[in-house]
Amino acid sequence: MMFGVLMMISMLRFWFKGWIFQLYIEPKHHFTFYGFEWIKPLGPYTYLLFIIAILSALLICIGLFYRGASILFFLSFTYIELMDKTTYLNHYYFISLLSFLLIFLPANAYFSVDAWRKPQINSDKIPSWCTDSIRLLVVILYFYAGLAKLNSDWLFHALPMKIWLPAKNDIPFIGGLFNELWVAYLFSWIGCLYDLSIAFLLLYKPTRKLAFLSVVTFHLLTSLLFPIGMFPYIMIGTALIFFSTGFHQAFIRKIGAILTVSHSFLTPVRTYSFSKIQQNLVTVGLLIFFSFQLLFPFRYLLYPGELFWTEEGYRFSWRVMLMEKMGAASFIIKDEMGKIIEVDNKDFLTPQQEKMMATQPDMILQYAHILKEHYEKAGFENPQIYADTYVSLNGRIGKALIDPTVDLSKEKESFRPKHWILTFQDEIKGL
């Protein structure tokens, strides 16, 4: 129920803020994900995609046609997530994974329209692995986010906190503290310890209530300090999964009493069961799913160079708000006839796209191919694309990110290391 409510609010918020048009319809070009180049905005029909996601979230909330609604929400939301790298956020990835899990879980077995329509599925208990699978996903998210903070910039230099916090010194009463260096260190260490421990404290019954209070405090504070949208509220809501069955049943029965739902509907005294074949299929599926979740974030170990600099293996690995990366990128087009032109990025990209592209090598490569295609149509013979980049990582002096002598039009996207990314002239120790 809560998942559906939060998703409806998230999607409606996106709509009413005008972000559908601003992020998906207005841009002339989009940065697709490798392997998913076929997923692109649908022009004005992108609004229809959001309508499908909103309606399916509503159906999930009330538990009507739950299985189909879960599939529709997963497909529509994940399609939206993959339309443009510019909008990538870790919590979008989390929502996609969680909505995928919900397809296979009987979340409509109790206090739902489906349970009212089909009394044979009405159950006040479900197999423990159903809730345990969601708990495990949350444990992975938090713990891996904590592991990612075990690096020298975060712990020993309070970066990027000592860059971000002074910008919030206008907050009433507490703003002045954010100018203090020790506060940046305090936030860095507390953030790391929180991520490493909070899921386990939620799992342990004696510390669960205090841990949940910590979750609420931590995420409300982050929502005050940083523009991260619905993520804090999603994580607060998700933390409730760690509470006992009795806790949730008591809450639902109070709602049922307000809605004058019959006592027999609220107390079916039945455990939802799966067939042997279903149980075996789900078990194998969950083993594959969680094995992937445990291993995939470590793919960065297959690449040379500093992860924060190259960002090869950075996305989809629970690296949440770990760095401040700023930069600029300009592009020179040459062709075999001697034509030379410097590109005005504003002719091709929105300000947000240009900002994100300038510091991320794979987006720089994609943009180079966008330029190649454009200038081929404009009459350039075999256009060559060269990038002049200037990037600062966590407040360091800006340096070139991309080899300016490499013709990016001849480079192809792949899972192989990108040899044209220049070496990071520093070291960030840690995971």
Protein backbone atom coordinates (compact mmCIF):
# COMPACT_ATOMS: atom_id res chain seq x y z
CA MET A 1 0.00 0.00 0.00
CA MET A 2 2.69 2.49 1.04
CA PHE A 3 4.82 1.67 -2.01
CA GLY A 4 1.91 2.49 -4.30
CA VAL A 5 1.18 5.76 -2.48
CA LEU A 6 4.81 6.91 -2.60
CA MET A 7 5.12 6.02 -6.27
CA MET A 8 1.95 7.93 -7.17
CA ILE A 9 3.22 10.98 -5.29
CA SER A 10 6.64 10.69 -6.97
CA MET A 11 5.23 10.44 -10.49
CA LEU A 12 2.65 13.19 -9.97
CA ARG A 13 5.35 15.42 -8.48
CA PHE A 14 7.47 14.83 -11.58
CA TRP A 15 4.50 15.75 -13.77
CA PHE A 16 3.40 18.92 -11.94
CA LYS A 17 6.94 20.29 -11.74
CA GLY A 18 7.09 20.19 -15.53
CA TRP A 19 10.00 17.76 -15.57
CA ILE A 20 8.45 15.42 -18.15
CA PHE A 21 8.63 18.15 -20.77
CA GLN A 22 11.88 19.64 -19.50
CA LEU A 23 13.84 16.38 -19.28
CA TYR A 24 12.30 14.11 -21.89
CA ILE A 25 10.45 16.14 -24.55
CA GLU A 26 12.29 19.46 -24.83
CA PRO A 27 15.84 18.06 -25.37
CA LYS A 28 16.86 17.48 -28.98
CA HIS A 29 19.03 14.50 -28.05
CA HIS A 30 19.12 11.92 -25.27
CA PHE A 31 21.88 9.90 -23.63
CA THR A 32 20.72 6.29 -23.75
CA PHE A 33 22.22 3.43 -21.76
CA TYR A 34 24.56 1.01 -23.50
CA GLY A 35 22.56 -2.02 -24.63
CA PHE A 36 19.29 -0.12 -24.25
CA GLU A 37 19.67 2.36 -27.10
CA TRP A 38 16.16 1.46 -28.27
CA ILE A 39 14.67 2.96 -25.11
CA LYS A 40 13.99 6.61 -25.88
CA PRO A 41 11.39 9.24 -24.98
CA LEU A 42 8.16 8.89 -26.93
CA GLY A 43 7.57 12.56 -27.68
CA PRO A 44 4.16 13.71 -26.42
CA TYR A 45 3.31 10.05 -25.73
CA THR A 46 5.82 10.17 -22.88
CA TYR A 47 2.96 11.61 -20.83
CA LEU A 48 1.01 8.41 -21.55
CA LEU A 49 3.92 6.41 -20.14
CA PHE A 50 3.67 8.38 -16.90
CA ILE A 51 -0.11 7.91 -16.82
CA ILE A 52 0.42 4.13 -17.06
CA ALA A 53 2.93 4.27 -14.20
CA ILE A 54 0.61 6.41 -12.04
CA LEU A 55 -2.45 4.22 -12.63
CA SER A 56 -0.52 1.01 -12.04
CA ALA A 57 0.86 2.49 -8.79
CA LEU A 58 -2.73 3.25 -7.75
CA LEU A 59 -3.77 -0.34 -8.50
CA ILE A 60 -0.80 -1.64 -6.49
CA CYS A 61 -1.83 0.63 -3.62
CA ILE A 62 -5.38 -0.74 -3.41
CA GLY A 63 -4.41 -4.26 -4.47
CA LEU A 64 -6.59 -4.46 -7.58
CA PHE A 65 -5.35 -6.61 -10.50
CA TYR A 66 -2.13 -6.56 -8.51
CA ARG A 67 0.03 -8.89 -10.60
CA GLY A 68 -0.68 -7.12 -13.87
CA ALA A 69 -0.33 -3.71 -12.20
CA SER A 70 3.08 -4.70 -10.76
CA ILE A 71 4.32 -5.80 -14.17
CA LEU A 72 3.02 -2.60 -15.79
CA PHE A 73 4.61 -0.40 -13.14
CA PHE A 74 7.96 -2.17 -13.37
CA LEU A 75 8.04 -1.90 -17.17
CA SER A 76 6.83 1.70 -17.36
CA PHE A 77 9.00 3.01 -14.53
CA THR A 78 12.11 1.20 -15.72
CA TYR A 79 11.52 2.47 -19.26
CA ILE A 80 11.34 6.02 -17.85
CA GLU A 81 14.52 5.43 -15.83
CA LEU A 82 16.45 4.24 -18.89
CA MET A 83 15.40 7.02 -21.28
CA ASP A 84 18.29 9.34 -20.42
CA LYS A 85 21.44 8.94 -18.30
CA THR A 86 21.16 12.62 -17.43
CA THR A 87 18.41 11.80 -14.93
CA TYR A 88 20.06 8.70 -13.39
CA LEU A 89 19.67 8.37 -9.62
CA ASN A 90 20.39 5.41 -7.37
CA HIS A 91 16.90 5.46 -5.89
CA TYR A 92 15.36 5.07 -9.36
CA TYR A 93 17.38 1.88 -9.67
CA PHE A 94 16.17 0.78 -6.24
CA ILE A 95 12.54 1.38 -7.22
CA SER A 96 12.99 -0.67 -10.39
CA LEU A 97 14.48 -3.57 -8.43
CA LEU A 98 11.83 -3.39 -5.72
CA SER A 99 8.98 -3.24 -8.23
CA PHE A 100 10.49 -6.24 -10.02
CA LEU A 101 10.50 -8.21 -6.76
CA LEU A 102 6.89 -7.24 -6.05
CA ILE A 103 5.78 -8.99 -9.25
CA PHE A 104 6.54 -12.32 -7.57
CA LEU A 105 5.36 -11.50 -4.04
CA PRO A 106 1.74 -11.87 -2.81
CA ALA A 107 1.41 -8.29 -1.59
CA ASN A 108 -2.29 -8.44 -2.49
CA ALA A 109 -3.02 -11.38 -0.19
CA TYR A 110 -4.27 -9.21 2.68
CA PHE A 111 -6.38 -6.05 2.95
CA SER A 112 -6.70 -5.60 -0.80
CA VAL A 113 -9.46 -5.39 -3.38
CA ASP A 114 -8.14 -8.62 -4.90
CA ALA A 115 -8.51 -10.38 -1.53
CA TRP A 116 -12.06 -9.05 -1.28
CA ARG A 117 -12.87 -10.19 -4.83
CA LYS A 118 -11.20 -13.58 -4.35
CA PRO A 119 -11.66 -14.73 -0.74
CA GLN A 120 -9.56 -17.83 -1.45
CA ILE A 121 -6.38 -15.71 -1.52
CA ASN A 122 -7.23 -13.64 1.57
CA SER A 123 -4.43 -14.44 4.05
CA ASP A 124 -3.04 -12.72 7.12
CA LYS A 125 0.30 -14.52 6.83
CA ILE A 126 2.72 -15.05 3.97
CA PRO A 127 5.94 -17.13 3.76
CA SER A 128 8.79 -15.36 5.54
CA TRP A 129 10.98 -15.29 2.42
CA CYS A 130 8.55 -12.79 0.87
CA THR A 131 9.41 -10.05 3.35
CA ASP A 132 12.97 -11.31 3.82
CA SER A 133 13.72 -10.75 0.12
CA ILE A 134 12.77 -7.07 0.42
CA ARG A 135 14.78 -6.77 3.63
CA LEU A 136 17.81 -8.28 1.91
CA LEU A 137 17.55 -5.76 -0.93
CA VAL A 138 17.48 -2.91 1.61
CA VAL A 139 20.44 -4.43 3.50
CA ILE A 140 22.45 -4.53 0.26
CA LEU A 141 21.56 -0.93 -0.59
CA TYR A 142 22.62 0.46 2.78
CA PHE A 143 25.66 -1.75 3.39
CA TYR A 144 27.11 -1.25 -0.09
CA ALA A 145 26.51 2.49 0.22
CA GLY A 146 28.52 2.33 3.46
CA LEU A 147 31.32 0.31 1.87
CA ALA A 148 31.58 2.91 -0.89
CA LYS A 149 32.20 5.58 1.77
CA LEU A 150 35.27 3.73 3.05
CA ASN A 151 37.60 5.89 1.01
CA SER A 152 40.21 8.48 1.92
CA ASP A 153 38.37 11.46 0.43
CA TRP A 154 35.22 10.76 2.44
CA LEU A 155 36.76 9.80 5.79
CA PHE A 156 40.08 11.65 5.97
CA HIS A 157 39.35 14.79 3.95
CA ALA A 158 35.59 15.18 4.56
CA LEU A 159 35.04 15.41 0.81
CA PRO A 160 32.67 16.33 -0.66
CA MET A 161 30.88 17.32 2.58
CA LYS A 162 33.18 20.27 3.26
CA ILE A 163 32.27 21.59 -0.20
CA TRP A 164 28.52 21.05 0.10
CA LEU A 165 27.72 22.03 3.69
CA PRO A 166 28.91 25.68 3.66
CA ALA A 167 26.43 26.30 0.82
CA LYS A 168 23.67 25.57 3.38
CA ASN A 169 24.83 28.12 5.95
CA ASP A 170 21.67 30.19 5.45
CA ILE A 171 19.45 27.56 7.13
CA PRO A 172 17.91 29.13 10.27
CA PHE A 173 19.44 28.26 13.66
CA ILE A 174 21.87 25.56 12.48
CA GLY A 175 23.24 27.09 9.27
CA GLY A 176 26.27 28.67 10.93
CA LEU A 177 27.54 25.25 12.00
CA PHE A 178 27.94 24.20 8.38
CA ASN A 179 30.89 26.56 7.99
CA GLU A 180 32.82 24.54 10.58
CA LEU A 181 35.23 21.92 9.25
CA TRP A 182 34.59 19.55 12.15
CA VAL A 183 30.90 19.41 11.18
CA ALA A 184 31.85 18.20 7.69
CA TYR A 185 33.96 15.44 9.25
CA LEU A 186 31.14 14.57 11.66
CA PHE A 187 28.62 14.28 8.83
CA SER A 188 31.03 12.14 6.80
CA TRP A 189 31.75 9.67 9.57
CA ILE A 190 28.16 9.47 10.79
CA GLY A 191 26.97 8.92 7.22
CA CYS A 192 29.41 6.06 6.75
CA LEU A 193 28.64 4.38 10.08
CA TYR A 194 24.91 4.85 9.53
CA ASP A 195 24.95 3.14 6.13
CA LEU A 196 27.12 0.27 7.35
CA SER A 197 25.03 -0.48 10.44
CA ILE A 198 21.45 0.74 10.07
CA ALA A 199 20.02 -2.27 8.22
CA PHE A 200 21.42 -4.66 10.83
CA LEU A 201 20.08 -2.50 13.67
CA LEU A 202 16.66 -2.64 12.00
CA LEU A 203 16.91 -6.42 11.76
CA TYR A 204 17.69 -6.76 15.49
CA LYS A 205 14.47 -6.42 17.50
CA PRO A 206 15.96 -4.76 20.65
CA THR A 207 17.41 -1.90 18.54
CA ARG A 208 14.67 -1.71 15.90
CA LYS A 209 12.64 1.21 17.28
CA LEU A 210 15.71 3.34 17.95
CA ALA A 211 17.07 2.43 14.52
CA PHE A 212 13.82 3.47 12.85
CA LEU A 213 13.95 6.79 14.70
CA SER A 214 17.48 7.18 13.33
CA VAL A 215 16.22 6.44 9.82
CA VAL A 216 13.55 9.14 10.11
CA THR A 217 16.00 11.69 11.55
CA PHE A 218 18.76 10.92 9.06
CA HIS A 219 16.57 11.06 5.97
CA LEU A 220 14.62 14.14 7.01
CA LEU A 221 17.94 15.92 7.57
CA THR A 222 19.25 14.85 4.17
CA SER A 223 16.02 16.03 2.54
CA LEU A 224 16.55 19.42 4.20
CA LEU A 225 20.17 19.71 3.06
CA PHE A 226 20.24 18.11 -0.37
CA PRO A 227 17.91 18.13 -3.41
CA ILE A 228 17.27 14.38 -3.60
CA GLY A 229 13.52 14.41 -4.14
CA MET A 230 11.44 11.55 -2.76
CA PHE A 231 14.38 9.30 -1.84
CA PRO A 232 14.35 10.10 1.91
CA TYR A 233 10.63 9.36 2.20
CA ILE A 234 10.94 6.17 0.16
CA MET A 235 13.67 4.92 2.50
CA ILE A 236 11.65 5.87 5.60
CA GLY A 237 8.68 3.94 4.23
CA THR A 238 10.83 0.98 3.20
CA ALA A 239 12.30 0.70 6.71
CA LEU A 240 8.87 -0.36 8.00
CA ILE A 241 9.39 -3.75 6.31
CA PHE A 242 11.71 -4.65 9.20
CA PHE A 243 8.87 -4.50 11.74
CA SER A 244 6.98 -7.64 12.73
CA THR A 245 3.85 -9.06 11.13
CA GLY A 246 1.90 -8.13 14.25
CA PHE A 247 2.93 -4.48 13.92
CA HIS A 248 1.63 -4.27 10.36
CA GLN A 249 -1.55 -6.21 11.11
CA ALA A 250 -2.38 -3.93 14.04
CA PHE A 251 -1.92 -0.88 11.82
CA ILE A 252 -4.05 -2.32 9.02
CA ARG A 253 -6.81 -3.36 11.41
CA LYS A 254 -7.01 0.20 12.74
CA ILE A 255 -7.48 1.42 9.17
CA GLY A 256 -10.02 -1.34 8.61
CA ALA A 257 -11.97 -0.24 11.67
CA ILE A 258 -12.08 3.34 10.38
CA LEU A 259 -13.34 2.06 7.01
CA THR A 260 -15.81 -0.29 8.76
CA VAL A 261 -14.32 -3.37 7.09
CA SER A 262 -15.75 -6.64 8.39
CA HIS A 263 -13.86 -8.48 11.13
CA SER A 264 -13.85 -11.73 9.15
CA PHE A 265 -12.10 -10.02 6.21
CA LEU A 266 -9.41 -8.61 8.52
CA THR A 267 -8.82 -11.90 10.37
CA PRO A 268 -8.77 -14.71 7.79
CA VAL A 269 -6.32 -16.83 9.90
CA ARG A 270 -4.71 -18.30 6.80
CA THR A 271 -1.18 -18.54 5.42
CA TYR A 272 -0.72 -17.80 1.73
CA SER A 273 0.89 -20.76 -0.02
CA PHE A 274 2.71 -21.34 -3.28
CA SER A 275 2.63 -24.53 -5.31
CA LYS A 276 5.77 -26.66 -5.29
CA ILE A 277 6.62 -25.61 -8.84
CA GLN A 278 6.09 -21.93 -8.04
CA GLN A 279 8.23 -22.24 -4.92
CA ASN A 280 11.09 -23.87 -6.84
CA LEU A 281 10.97 -21.33 -9.67
CA VAL A 282 10.91 -18.38 -7.29
CA THR A 283 13.77 -19.85 -5.24
CA VAL A 284 15.98 -20.21 -8.31
CA GLY A 285 14.97 -16.76 -9.53
CA LEU A 286 15.79 -15.11 -6.21
CA LEU A 287 19.18 -16.85 -6.03
CA ILE A 288 20.06 -15.50 -9.48
CA PHE A 289 18.67 -12.05 -8.69
CA PHE A 290 20.54 -11.59 -5.42
CA SER A 291 23.76 -13.16 -6.70
CA PHE A 292 23.72 -10.50 -9.40
CA GLN A 293 22.98 -7.74 -6.87
CA LEU A 294 25.87 -8.86 -4.67
CA LEU A 295 28.42 -9.12 -7.48
CA PHE A 296 27.47 -6.43 -10.02
CA PRO A 297 28.55 -3.42 -7.88
CA PHE A 298 32.12 -4.82 -7.82
CA ARG A 299 32.52 -4.81 -11.61
CA TYR A 300 34.59 -1.63 -11.26
CA LEU A 301 37.48 -3.87 -10.14
CA LEU A 302 37.75 -5.05 -13.76
CA TYR A 303 38.73 -1.54 -14.89
CA PRO A 304 42.02 0.32 -14.44
CA GLY A 305 42.21 3.83 -13.06
CA GLU A 306 40.38 5.75 -10.35
CA LEU A 307 36.68 4.88 -10.31
CA PHE A 308 35.52 8.40 -9.41
CA TRP A 309 37.49 9.75 -12.37
CA THR A 310 36.66 7.21 -15.09
CA GLU A 311 33.21 6.23 -13.70
CA GLU A 312 33.58 2.82 -15.36
CA GLY A 313 31.38 0.63 -13.19
CA TYR A 314 30.10 3.55 -11.12
CA ARG A 315 26.38 3.47 -11.86
CA PHE A 316 24.05 0.80 -10.43
CA SER A 317 26.42 0.14 -7.52
CA TRP A 318 24.83 2.08 -4.63
CA ARG A 319 27.42 4.87 -4.67
CA VAL A 320 25.20 7.56 -3.22
CA MET A 321 26.34 11.21 -3.14
CA LEU A 322 30.04 10.34 -2.95
CA MET A 323 31.69 13.04 -5.02
CA GLU A 324 31.54 16.57 -6.34
CA LYS A 325 32.57 16.59 -9.97
CA MET A 326 32.51 19.79 -11.99
CA GLY A 327 33.82 20.53 -15.43
CA ALA A 328 33.47 21.84 -18.94
CA ALA A 329 33.86 20.21 -22.33
CA SER A 330 34.28 21.84 -25.72
CA PHE A 331 34.40 20.04 -29.05
CA ILE A 332 36.27 20.68 -32.28
CA ILE A 333 35.03 19.23 -35.58
CA LYS A 334 37.46 18.66 -38.45
CA ASP A 335 36.98 16.97 -41.80
CA GLU A 336 39.04 15.75 -44.74
CA MET A 337 38.37 18.94 -46.70
CA GLY A 338 40.03 21.09 -44.04
CA LYS A 339 36.87 22.40 -42.42
CA ILE A 340 37.23 23.22 -38.72
CA ILE A 341 34.48 24.35 -36.39
CA GLU A 342 34.07 24.69 -32.64
CA VAL A 343 30.73 23.40 -31.38
CA ASP A 344 28.34 25.47 -29.30
CA ASN A 345 26.95 22.79 -26.97
CA LYS A 346 23.83 24.85 -26.36
CA ASP A 347 22.77 24.13 -29.93
CA PHE A 348 22.49 20.43 -29.08
CA LEU A 349 22.03 20.00 -25.32
CA THR A 350 20.05 21.45 -22.45
CA PRO A 351 22.06 23.08 -19.62
CA GLN A 352 21.48 20.02 -17.41
CA GLN A 353 22.60 17.62 -20.14
CA GLU A 354 25.71 19.68 -20.82
CA LYS A 355 26.58 19.79 -17.12
CA MET A 356 26.28 16.01 -16.72
CA MET A 357 27.98 15.19 -20.01
CA ALA A 358 31.07 17.31 -19.31
CA THR A 359 32.31 15.06 -16.47
CA GLN A 360 31.22 11.57 -17.58
CA PRO A 361 33.35 9.86 -20.24
CA ASP A 362 30.65 7.60 -21.65
CA MET A 363 28.33 10.58 -22.14
CA ILE A 364 31.16 12.53 -23.80
CA LEU A 365 31.59 9.64 -26.24
CA GLN A 366 27.86 9.51 -26.95
CA TYR A 367 27.79 13.23 -27.56
CA ALA A 368 30.73 12.94 -29.95
CA HIS A 369 28.72 10.48 -32.04
CA ILE A 370 25.68 12.77 -31.94
CA LEU A 371 27.93 15.51 -33.34
CA LYS A 372 29.40 13.18 -35.96
CA GLU A 373 25.94 12.27 -37.26
CA HIS A 374 24.85 15.91 -37.31
CA TYR A 375 27.89 17.21 -39.17
CA GLU A 376 27.84 14.37 -41.68
CA LYS A 377 24.35 15.53 -42.62
CA ALA A 378 25.67 19.12 -42.74
CA GLY A 379 28.16 18.19 -45.46
CA PHE A 380 31.34 17.39 -43.53
CA GLU A 381 33.42 14.59 -45.07
CA ASN A 382 34.23 11.94 -42.43
CA PRO A 383 34.11 14.43 -39.54
CA GLN A 384 36.64 13.97 -36.75
CA ILE A 385 35.55 14.87 -33.21
CA TYR A 386 38.01 16.06 -30.57
CA ALA A 387 37.13 16.95 -26.98
CA ASP A 388 38.86 19.54 -24.84
CA THR A 389 37.82 18.77 -21.26
CA TYR A 390 38.52 20.36 -17.89
CA VAL A 391 37.28 18.49 -14.81
CA SER A 392 37.66 18.99 -11.07
CA LEU A 393 37.03 16.07 -8.70
CA ASN A 394 36.18 16.85 -5.07
CA GLY A 395 37.67 20.33 -5.21
CA ARG A 396 41.00 19.37 -6.78
CA ILE A 397 42.60 21.56 -9.43
CA GLY A 398 40.86 20.89 -12.72
CA LYS A 399 42.60 18.69 -15.27
CA ALA A 400 41.93 17.20 -18.68
CA LEU A 401 39.69 14.13 -18.52
CA ILE A 402 39.81 13.04 -22.18
CA ASP A 403 42.84 12.74 -24.44
CA PRO A 404 42.40 15.74 -26.79
CA THR A 405 44.34 14.00 -29.59
CA VAL A 406 41.89 11.09 -29.88
CA ASP A 407 39.24 11.24 -32.59
CA LEU A 408 36.18 10.20 -30.59
CA SER A 409 34.14 9.58 -33.73
CA LYS A 410 36.20 6.42 -34.26
CA GLU A 411 35.74 5.14 -30.70
CA LYS A 412 32.88 2.76 -29.94
CA GLU A 413 31.02 2.19 -26.70
CA SER A 414 31.65 -1.20 -25.11
CA PHE A 415 32.36 -2.81 -21.76
CA ARG A 416 36.09 -2.60 -22.44
CA PRO A 417 38.23 0.01 -20.62
CA LYS A 418 38.32 3.38 -22.37
CA HIS A 419 41.97 4.01 -23.23
CA TRP A 420 41.26 7.63 -24.15
CA ILE A 421 40.44 8.62 -20.55
CA LEU A 422 43.54 10.34 -19.16
CA THR A 423 45.11 9.09 -15.93
CA PHE A 424 43.95 10.63 -12.67
CA GLN A 425 47.03 12.31 -11.20
CA ASP A 426 46.16 11.52 -7.59
CA GLU A 427 45.02 8.59 -5.46
CA ILE A 428 41.80 8.00 -3.56
CA LYS A 429 42.39 5.03 -1.29
CA GLY A 430 39.59 2.69 -0.32
CA LEU A 431 36.86 0.56 -1.84
